[in-house]
Amino acid sequence: MTDAATSPPSGIPGLDPADVLSAARRQLGISDGILRSCRWRSLWAPRLASTSGVYRIDWLIESERGTREGALVLKVLACPGPNVAPGGATLYASGALDNLPSGLRAARWFGNVDLGPDHLGVWLDPEQDDPDVAWDVERFGIAARHLGRLAGTHEQALREQAGQRPARTFWGNPAYVHDTLRTFAGEAAHDLARRAWPEPSKRALLRLWTGSGAMVERAQSLPVMPCHGDAQRRNLFARRDASGVTSGEASSHVTVAVDWANFGMAPAGMDIATLAHYAIAYFDVAADDIIRLEVAVLDSYLDGLRDQGVDIDRATVRFGYAAQLVFGLGLLETGPVLRLATTSALHRSAEAFYGQPIEAILDRRRVLAGYLLDVALRMERMELDRP
């Protein structure tokens, strides 16, 4: 066993064992104890400039009450400037996430740790799904209802924090969009890329993305509401808990959300588009269930808004959902998927991540592309039907 004062967790720059001990004490609600050992492993390899790593740290503490063991998650965030705290860390520290609406929770926070002038660590509870809860279409609908309640929240602290952060929009950085479209037009002819985007789909998507100014302008005029910002399945955990849940809610379901770095104000429907998009891309739902998933998340999100006394018509939310799918995630994901298709060195890690062979991954993207085009067609009809 190791002494906390002399043996830092190697591999996590700037982290001292005393920091682990302090966080573990807060997690246990005690003020004494000696850290006898800690082991760490990486949960998430850095892929974004804003996040330098996510680690699980298993600890063993010896105190007057005996020996205790447990685990923490340390999320290491890059500071936007020297000694400037990143938004995700300040959000937890604000206490606003203690006021989430019924059914939605954030992982418990145990403080931030300074890891030098360029990085800050956020201490959190490890989270996992309850073993008896399956993420089927119904469960995605329950999560959508919780996200609808977040969108319609009247909690002043949450709305203030959301308003202080950069607004979420559908259309990405113009330079990124231009480069993505240019690359897509040239490289989507690669053999594996054609599995994801057969020539008819490629041509239809290019026409859509290069000639959609009116629909993008309309999307930017939608009402804005608090939004998690990255409500994909891998950032959500399904739990059952009778406490703090609205009376009569099915089976007392709770959704625990992590990774609040993109929390902010966003057009209505954005969170559920993210939820549905990644459920399809990551094989969480069968291809035959996509429309059923769409109906479930739209209906449930509207129910969540109504739970908060917010009445928005279905067409508005559906337009926001469609805009995020087609112009937000549809374009955002094109570059990475194209690189995956054309770079054989990436195939093994992708297959491990998805749990599917590369051919199946790209075939699923073909299904997703077809769905995006169907959604876009319905979006255009909605515009034509507007008075």
Protein backbone atom coordinates (compact mmCIF):
# COMPACT_ATOMS: atom_id res chain seq x y z
CA MET A 1 0.00 0.00 0.00
CA THR A 2 1.12 3.56 -0.65
CA ASP A 3 1.15 6.69 1.45
CA ALA A 4 -0.91 9.56 0.08
CA ALA A 5 1.76 12.15 0.62
CA THR A 6 4.48 10.53 -1.43
CA SER A 7 2.94 8.50 -4.27
CA PRO A 8 0.88 10.46 -6.82
CA PRO A 9 -1.36 8.62 -9.31
CA SER A 10 1.06 8.34 -12.21
CA GLY A 11 -0.15 9.22 -15.67
CA ILE A 12 -2.45 12.10 -14.65
CA PRO A 13 -0.27 15.23 -14.79
CA GLY A 14 -0.69 17.62 -11.88
CA LEU A 15 -2.71 15.24 -9.69
CA ASP A 16 -1.47 14.64 -6.17
CA PRO A 17 -2.63 11.79 -3.88
CA ALA A 18 -3.74 14.41 -1.38
CA ASP A 19 -6.25 15.59 -4.01
CA VAL A 20 -7.64 12.05 -4.30
CA LEU A 21 -7.91 11.80 -0.52
CA SER A 22 -9.78 15.12 -0.23
CA ALA A 23 -12.27 14.15 -2.91
CA ALA A 24 -12.81 10.68 -1.45
CA ARG A 25 -13.44 12.19 1.99
CA ARG A 26 -16.06 14.50 0.49
CA GLN A 27 -17.62 11.53 -1.27
CA LEU A 28 -17.84 9.63 2.03
CA GLY A 29 -18.81 12.66 4.11
CA ILE A 30 -15.89 12.21 6.54
CA SER A 31 -13.01 14.44 7.61
CA ASP A 32 -10.40 11.87 8.66
CA GLY A 33 -8.70 8.91 7.03
CA ILE A 34 -5.47 8.07 5.21
CA LEU A 35 -5.26 7.11 1.58
CA ARG A 36 -3.62 3.69 1.45
CA SER A 37 -3.88 3.00 -2.26
CA CYS A 38 -5.35 4.34 -5.47
CA ARG A 39 -5.47 2.86 -8.95
CA TRP A 40 -6.48 4.69 -12.09
CA ARG A 41 -7.50 3.83 -15.62
CA SER A 42 -8.51 5.90 -18.60
CA LEU A 43 -12.21 5.84 -19.51
CA TRP A 44 -12.01 8.15 -22.50
CA ALA A 45 -9.10 8.99 -24.77
CA PRO A 46 -8.82 12.69 -25.68
CA ARG A 47 -10.60 13.49 -28.95
CA LEU A 48 -11.60 17.09 -28.27
CA ALA A 49 -9.45 20.08 -27.41
CA SER A 50 -11.74 20.96 -24.49
CA THR A 51 -11.37 17.59 -22.69
CA SER A 52 -7.92 16.16 -21.97
CA GLY A 53 -9.11 12.88 -20.48
CA VAL A 54 -11.61 11.08 -18.26
CA TYR A 55 -10.31 8.69 -15.61
CA ARG A 56 -11.69 6.29 -13.03
CA ILE A 57 -9.75 6.29 -9.76
CA ASP A 58 -10.34 3.45 -7.31
CA TRP A 59 -9.29 4.36 -3.79
CA LEU A 60 -8.78 2.65 -0.41
CA ILE A 61 -8.99 4.74 2.76
CA GLU A 62 -8.16 3.69 6.31
CA SER A 63 -9.85 5.66 9.10
CA GLU A 64 -11.03 5.23 12.67
CA ARG A 65 -14.21 3.73 11.23
CA GLY A 66 -12.23 1.03 9.47
CA THR A 67 -11.15 0.48 5.88
CA ARG A 68 -13.33 1.90 3.11
CA GLU A 69 -13.01 1.58 -0.64
CA GLY A 70 -14.73 3.33 -3.49
CA ALA A 71 -14.23 5.05 -6.82
CA LEU A 72 -14.31 8.51 -8.37
CA VAL A 73 -14.33 9.84 -11.91
CA LEU A 74 -11.94 12.66 -12.74
CA LYS A 75 -12.75 14.64 -15.86
CA VAL A 76 -9.78 16.76 -16.94
CA LEU A 77 -10.80 19.93 -18.79
CA ALA A 78 -8.59 22.31 -20.74
CA CYS A 79 -8.77 25.90 -19.52
CA PRO A 80 -9.76 28.42 -22.22
CA GLY A 81 -6.97 30.70 -20.98
CA PRO A 82 -4.26 30.71 -18.28
CA ASN A 83 -5.96 30.15 -14.92
CA VAL A 84 -9.41 30.60 -16.49
CA ALA A 85 -11.85 27.90 -15.36
CA PRO A 86 -13.64 26.01 -18.15
CA GLY A 87 -17.42 26.33 -18.36
CA GLY A 88 -18.14 22.73 -17.39
CA ALA A 89 -16.27 23.15 -14.09
CA THR A 90 -17.93 26.46 -13.21
CA LEU A 91 -21.37 25.00 -13.93
CA TYR A 92 -20.91 22.26 -11.33
CA ALA A 93 -19.44 24.75 -8.86
CA SER A 94 -22.42 27.12 -9.30
CA GLY A 95 -24.80 24.59 -7.72
CA ALA A 96 -27.29 25.10 -10.57
CA LEU A 97 -27.28 21.39 -11.39
CA ASP A 98 -28.71 20.71 -7.93
CA ASN A 99 -31.96 22.22 -9.22
CA LEU A 100 -32.65 19.98 -12.20
CA PRO A 101 -36.31 19.10 -12.83
CA SER A 102 -37.99 15.92 -11.65
CA GLY A 103 -36.56 12.78 -13.20
CA LEU A 104 -33.29 14.36 -14.36
CA ARG A 105 -30.10 14.42 -12.31
CA ALA A 106 -26.45 15.23 -12.76
CA ALA A 107 -23.69 12.99 -11.42
CA ARG A 108 -22.77 14.03 -7.88
CA TRP A 109 -19.95 16.58 -7.82
CA PHE A 110 -17.14 16.52 -5.23
CA GLY A 111 -15.23 19.64 -6.16
CA ASN A 112 -12.69 20.78 -8.72
CA VAL A 113 -8.94 20.29 -8.55
CA ASP A 114 -6.30 22.59 -10.01
CA LEU A 115 -4.00 20.60 -12.32
CA GLY A 116 -1.81 23.50 -13.36
CA PRO A 117 -2.41 26.72 -15.29
CA ASP A 118 -3.89 24.94 -18.31
CA HIS A 119 -6.11 22.22 -16.84
CA LEU A 120 -8.78 21.75 -14.19
CA GLY A 121 -10.16 18.46 -12.94
CA VAL A 122 -13.80 17.83 -11.98
CA TRP A 123 -14.49 15.10 -9.39
CA LEU A 124 -17.69 13.12 -9.99
CA ASP A 125 -19.45 9.95 -8.93
CA PRO A 126 -19.04 7.04 -11.35
CA GLU A 127 -22.37 6.32 -13.06
CA GLN A 128 -23.84 3.27 -14.71
CA ASP A 129 -27.24 2.04 -15.82
CA ASP A 130 -29.28 0.02 -13.35
CA PRO A 131 -28.90 -3.58 -14.52
CA ASP A 132 -32.65 -4.17 -14.91
CA VAL A 133 -33.26 -1.13 -17.15
CA ALA A 134 -33.04 -1.57 -20.93
CA TRP A 135 -32.58 1.32 -23.34
CA ASP A 136 -35.46 0.49 -25.64
CA VAL A 137 -37.63 2.97 -27.54
CA GLU A 138 -39.79 3.52 -24.47
CA ARG A 139 -36.76 4.35 -22.32
CA PHE A 140 -35.50 6.84 -24.90
CA GLY A 141 -38.94 8.43 -24.68
CA ILE A 142 -38.62 8.73 -20.89
CA ALA A 143 -35.23 10.44 -21.27
CA ALA A 144 -36.79 12.79 -23.84
CA ARG A 145 -39.49 13.76 -21.34
CA HIS A 146 -36.82 14.59 -18.77
CA LEU A 147 -35.00 16.71 -21.37
CA GLY A 148 -38.28 18.46 -22.15
CA ARG A 149 -38.62 19.34 -18.48
CA LEU A 150 -35.11 20.78 -18.58
CA ALA A 151 -36.02 22.86 -21.64
CA GLY A 152 -39.08 24.20 -19.85
CA THR A 153 -37.47 24.75 -16.46
CA HIS A 154 -38.34 27.86 -14.48
CA GLU A 155 -35.36 27.46 -12.12
CA GLN A 156 -33.64 30.82 -12.21
CA ALA A 157 -30.15 29.44 -11.45
CA LEU A 158 -30.34 27.02 -14.37
CA ARG A 159 -31.64 29.63 -16.79
CA GLU A 160 -28.98 32.12 -15.70
CA GLN A 161 -26.19 29.59 -16.17
CA ALA A 162 -27.57 28.59 -19.57
CA GLY A 163 -27.78 32.21 -20.63
CA GLN A 164 -24.16 32.90 -19.67
CA ARG A 165 -22.82 30.25 -22.07
CA PRO A 166 -22.39 30.40 -25.84
CA ALA A 167 -25.72 29.80 -27.57
CA ARG A 168 -26.06 26.49 -29.39
CA THR A 169 -26.86 26.77 -33.10
CA PHE A 170 -27.60 24.31 -35.89
CA TRP A 171 -25.10 25.53 -38.45
CA GLY A 172 -21.43 25.06 -37.57
CA ASN A 173 -18.45 27.29 -38.15
CA PRO A 174 -18.70 28.54 -41.78
CA ALA A 175 -15.11 27.50 -42.57
CA TYR A 176 -15.78 24.01 -41.20
CA VAL A 177 -18.98 23.71 -43.21
CA HIS A 178 -17.21 24.84 -46.41
CA ASP A 179 -14.31 22.42 -45.91
CA THR A 180 -16.65 19.55 -45.04
CA LEU A 181 -18.79 20.05 -48.13
CA ARG A 182 -15.75 20.33 -50.38
CA THR A 183 -14.21 17.15 -48.93
CA PHE A 184 -17.52 15.30 -49.07
CA ALA A 185 -18.02 16.19 -52.72
CA GLY A 186 -14.57 14.82 -53.61
CA GLU A 187 -13.93 11.86 -51.32
CA ALA A 188 -17.36 10.26 -50.93
CA ALA A 189 -16.60 8.24 -54.09
CA HIS A 190 -14.22 6.02 -52.08
CA ASP A 191 -15.43 2.38 -52.09
CA LEU A 192 -16.18 2.24 -48.36
CA ALA A 193 -17.56 5.79 -48.31
CA ARG A 194 -20.11 4.70 -50.91
CA ARG A 195 -21.45 2.20 -48.39
CA ALA A 196 -22.45 5.15 -46.19
CA TRP A 197 -23.44 7.50 -49.01
CA PRO A 198 -24.45 5.84 -52.28
CA GLU A 199 -24.24 8.28 -55.18
CA PRO A 200 -27.96 9.26 -55.11
CA SER A 201 -27.77 10.02 -51.37
CA LYS A 202 -24.53 11.95 -51.83
CA ARG A 203 -26.03 14.15 -54.56
CA ALA A 204 -29.23 14.73 -52.57
CA LEU A 205 -27.34 15.70 -49.41
CA LEU A 206 -25.08 18.10 -51.29
CA ARG A 207 -28.12 19.80 -52.87
CA LEU A 208 -29.74 19.99 -49.47
CA TRP A 209 -26.75 21.40 -47.62
CA THR A 210 -25.76 23.93 -50.28
CA GLY A 211 -29.25 25.22 -51.01
CA SER A 212 -30.91 25.38 -47.60
CA GLY A 213 -30.50 29.02 -46.63
CA ALA A 214 -34.21 29.68 -46.09
CA MET A 215 -34.69 26.66 -43.84
CA VAL A 216 -31.57 27.48 -41.81
CA GLU A 217 -32.80 31.06 -41.38
CA ARG A 218 -36.18 29.77 -40.24
CA ALA A 219 -34.49 27.37 -37.80
CA GLN A 220 -32.52 30.22 -36.23
CA SER A 221 -35.80 31.98 -35.36
CA LEU A 222 -37.10 29.10 -33.22
CA PRO A 223 -37.64 29.72 -29.49
CA VAL A 224 -34.53 29.01 -27.40
CA MET A 225 -34.57 27.03 -24.14
CA PRO A 226 -32.09 25.43 -21.72
CA CYS A 227 -30.40 22.46 -23.38
CA HIS A 228 -27.96 19.80 -22.15
CA GLY A 229 -26.11 20.17 -25.44
CA ASP A 230 -24.83 16.61 -25.90
CA ALA A 231 -27.72 14.37 -24.84
CA GLN A 232 -26.51 11.23 -26.55
CA ARG A 233 -27.09 7.85 -24.97
CA ARG A 234 -23.48 7.52 -23.75
CA ASN A 235 -23.91 10.64 -21.63
CA LEU A 236 -27.15 9.36 -20.06
CA PHE A 237 -27.71 6.62 -17.48
CA ALA A 238 -31.02 4.97 -16.68
CA ARG A 239 -31.80 4.56 -13.00
CA ARG A 240 -34.81 3.72 -10.85
CA ASP A 241 -35.38 5.85 -7.79
CA ALA A 242 -38.59 6.55 -5.92
CA SER A 243 -37.29 9.78 -4.39
CA GLY A 244 -37.71 13.13 -6.08
CA VAL A 245 -39.83 11.81 -8.94
CA THR A 246 -43.18 13.23 -10.00
CA SER A 247 -46.09 11.22 -8.62
CA GLY A 248 -47.41 8.77 -11.16
CA GLU A 249 -44.34 8.76 -13.40
CA ALA A 250 -43.82 5.34 -14.95
CA SER A 251 -41.76 3.08 -12.69
CA SER A 252 -39.98 6.04 -11.04
CA HIS A 253 -37.39 6.32 -13.81
CA VAL A 254 -34.51 8.73 -13.35
CA THR A 255 -32.07 9.85 -16.06
CA VAL A 256 -28.60 10.77 -14.80
CA ALA A 257 -26.81 13.06 -17.26
CA VAL A 258 -23.06 13.60 -17.43
CA ASP A 259 -20.87 15.85 -19.60
CA TRP A 260 -22.60 19.20 -19.21
CA ALA A 261 -19.84 21.08 -21.06
CA ASN A 262 -22.24 22.13 -23.85
CA PHE A 263 -25.07 23.23 -21.57
CA GLY A 264 -26.65 26.46 -22.76
CA MET A 265 -29.61 27.99 -24.54
CA ALA A 266 -30.58 26.30 -27.80
CA PRO A 267 -33.52 26.06 -30.19
CA ALA A 268 -36.39 23.85 -29.02
CA GLY A 269 -35.95 20.20 -29.97
CA MET A 270 -32.16 20.16 -30.24
CA ASP A 271 -31.56 17.75 -27.35
CA ILE A 272 -33.96 15.11 -28.63
CA ALA A 273 -32.44 15.26 -32.11
CA THR A 274 -29.07 14.47 -30.55
CA LEU A 275 -30.69 11.69 -28.53
CA ALA A 276 -32.25 10.09 -31.62
CA HIS A 277 -29.30 10.62 -33.97
CA TYR A 278 -26.80 8.78 -31.80
CA ALA A 279 -29.31 6.08 -30.85
CA ILE A 280 -29.46 5.28 -34.56
CA ALA A 281 -25.74 5.70 -35.28
CA TYR A 282 -24.66 3.60 -32.28
CA PHE A 283 -27.06 0.71 -32.97
CA ASP A 284 -29.14 1.37 -29.84
CA VAL A 285 -32.32 0.91 -31.88
CA ALA A 286 -33.12 -1.32 -34.83
CA ALA A 287 -33.40 0.33 -38.22
CA ASP A 288 -37.06 -0.70 -38.35
CA ASP A 289 -37.74 1.26 -35.14
CA ILE A 290 -36.43 4.66 -36.28
CA ILE A 291 -39.82 6.24 -36.95
CA ARG A 292 -41.18 4.80 -33.72
CA LEU A 293 -38.19 6.36 -31.94
CA GLU A 294 -38.87 9.73 -33.58
CA VAL A 295 -42.50 9.71 -32.48
CA ALA A 296 -41.57 8.64 -28.94
CA VAL A 297 -38.98 11.36 -28.35
CA LEU A 298 -41.11 14.12 -29.92
CA ASP A 299 -44.25 13.20 -27.95
CA SER A 300 -42.34 12.75 -24.70
CA TYR A 301 -40.36 15.99 -25.07
CA LEU A 302 -43.63 17.87 -25.56
CA ASP A 303 -45.02 16.11 -22.47
CA GLY A 304 -41.98 17.29 -20.52
CA LEU A 305 -42.52 20.88 -21.64
CA ARG A 306 -46.17 20.64 -20.62
CA ASP A 307 -45.11 19.23 -17.22
CA GLN A 308 -43.43 22.61 -16.73
CA GLY A 309 -46.45 24.56 -17.94
CA VAL A 310 -44.81 25.42 -21.28
CA ASP A 311 -47.04 25.06 -24.32
CA ILE A 312 -45.22 24.95 -27.66
CA ASP A 313 -46.86 23.56 -30.76
CA ARG A 314 -45.62 20.27 -32.11
CA ALA A 315 -44.67 21.72 -35.50
CA THR A 316 -42.17 24.11 -33.87
CA VAL A 317 -40.45 21.36 -31.90
CA ARG A 318 -40.47 19.04 -34.91
CA PHE A 319 -38.80 21.74 -37.03
CA GLY A 320 -36.09 22.18 -34.39
CA TYR A 321 -35.62 18.42 -34.21
CA ALA A 322 -35.32 18.22 -38.00
CA ALA A 323 -32.94 21.17 -38.26
CA GLN A 324 -30.53 19.70 -35.72
CA LEU A 325 -30.58 16.33 -37.45
CA VAL A 326 -30.13 17.67 -40.98
CA PHE A 327 -28.00 20.80 -40.58
CA GLY A 328 -26.37 20.22 -37.21
CA LEU A 329 -25.43 16.60 -36.66
CA GLY A 330 -25.81 15.59 -40.29
CA LEU A 331 -22.98 17.91 -41.30
CA LEU A 332 -20.99 17.64 -38.07
CA GLU A 333 -20.65 13.87 -38.39
CA THR A 334 -19.87 13.82 -42.12
CA GLY A 335 -16.19 14.70 -41.77
CA PRO A 336 -15.34 12.11 -39.07
CA VAL A 337 -17.31 9.34 -40.80
CA LEU A 338 -15.66 10.15 -44.13
CA ARG A 339 -12.21 9.94 -42.48
CA LEU A 340 -13.21 6.63 -40.95
CA ALA A 341 -14.31 5.22 -44.29
CA THR A 342 -11.16 6.32 -46.12
CA THR A 343 -8.56 5.58 -43.40
CA SER A 344 -8.01 1.88 -42.78
CA ALA A 345 -5.85 2.59 -39.72
CA LEU A 346 -8.97 3.84 -37.91
CA HIS A 347 -11.07 0.74 -38.55
CA ARG A 348 -9.94 -1.41 -35.62
CA SER A 349 -10.57 1.25 -32.96
CA ALA A 350 -13.94 2.10 -34.53
CA GLU A 351 -14.96 -1.56 -34.51
CA ALA A 352 -14.06 -1.77 -30.82
CA PHE A 353 -16.01 1.41 -30.07
CA TYR A 354 -19.17 0.40 -31.95
CA GLY A 355 -18.93 -3.33 -31.33
CA GLN A 356 -19.57 -3.84 -35.05
CA PRO A 357 -17.46 -4.55 -38.15
CA ILE A 358 -16.57 -1.53 -40.27
CA GLU A 359 -18.98 -2.59 -43.02
CA ALA A 360 -21.90 -2.66 -40.56
CA ILE A 361 -20.91 0.74 -39.16
CA LEU A 362 -21.00 2.31 -42.62
CA ASP A 363 -24.17 0.46 -43.58
CA ARG A 364 -25.84 1.98 -40.51
CA ARG A 365 -24.65 5.41 -41.65
CA ARG A 366 -26.37 4.73 -44.98
CA VAL A 367 -29.58 4.08 -43.08
CA LEU A 368 -29.04 7.30 -41.14
CA ALA A 369 -28.41 9.28 -44.34
CA GLY A 370 -31.68 7.98 -45.77
CA TYR A 371 -33.49 9.01 -42.62
CA LEU A 372 -31.97 12.51 -42.75
CA LEU A 373 -33.18 12.95 -46.31
CA ASP A 374 -36.66 11.79 -45.32
CA VAL A 375 -36.68 14.25 -42.41
CA ALA A 376 -35.48 17.05 -44.72
CA LEU A 377 -38.28 16.31 -47.18
CA ARG A 378 -40.85 16.55 -44.40
CA MET A 379 -39.16 19.73 -43.21
CA GLU A 380 -39.57 21.29 -46.64
CA ARG A 381 -43.24 20.32 -46.69
CA MET A 382 -43.70 21.95 -43.30
CA GLU A 383 -42.30 25.16 -44.74
CA LEU A 384 -44.60 24.97 -47.76
CA ASP A 385 -47.60 24.45 -45.48
CA ARG A 386 -46.83 27.49 -43.37
CA PRO A 387 -49.35 30.32 -43.81
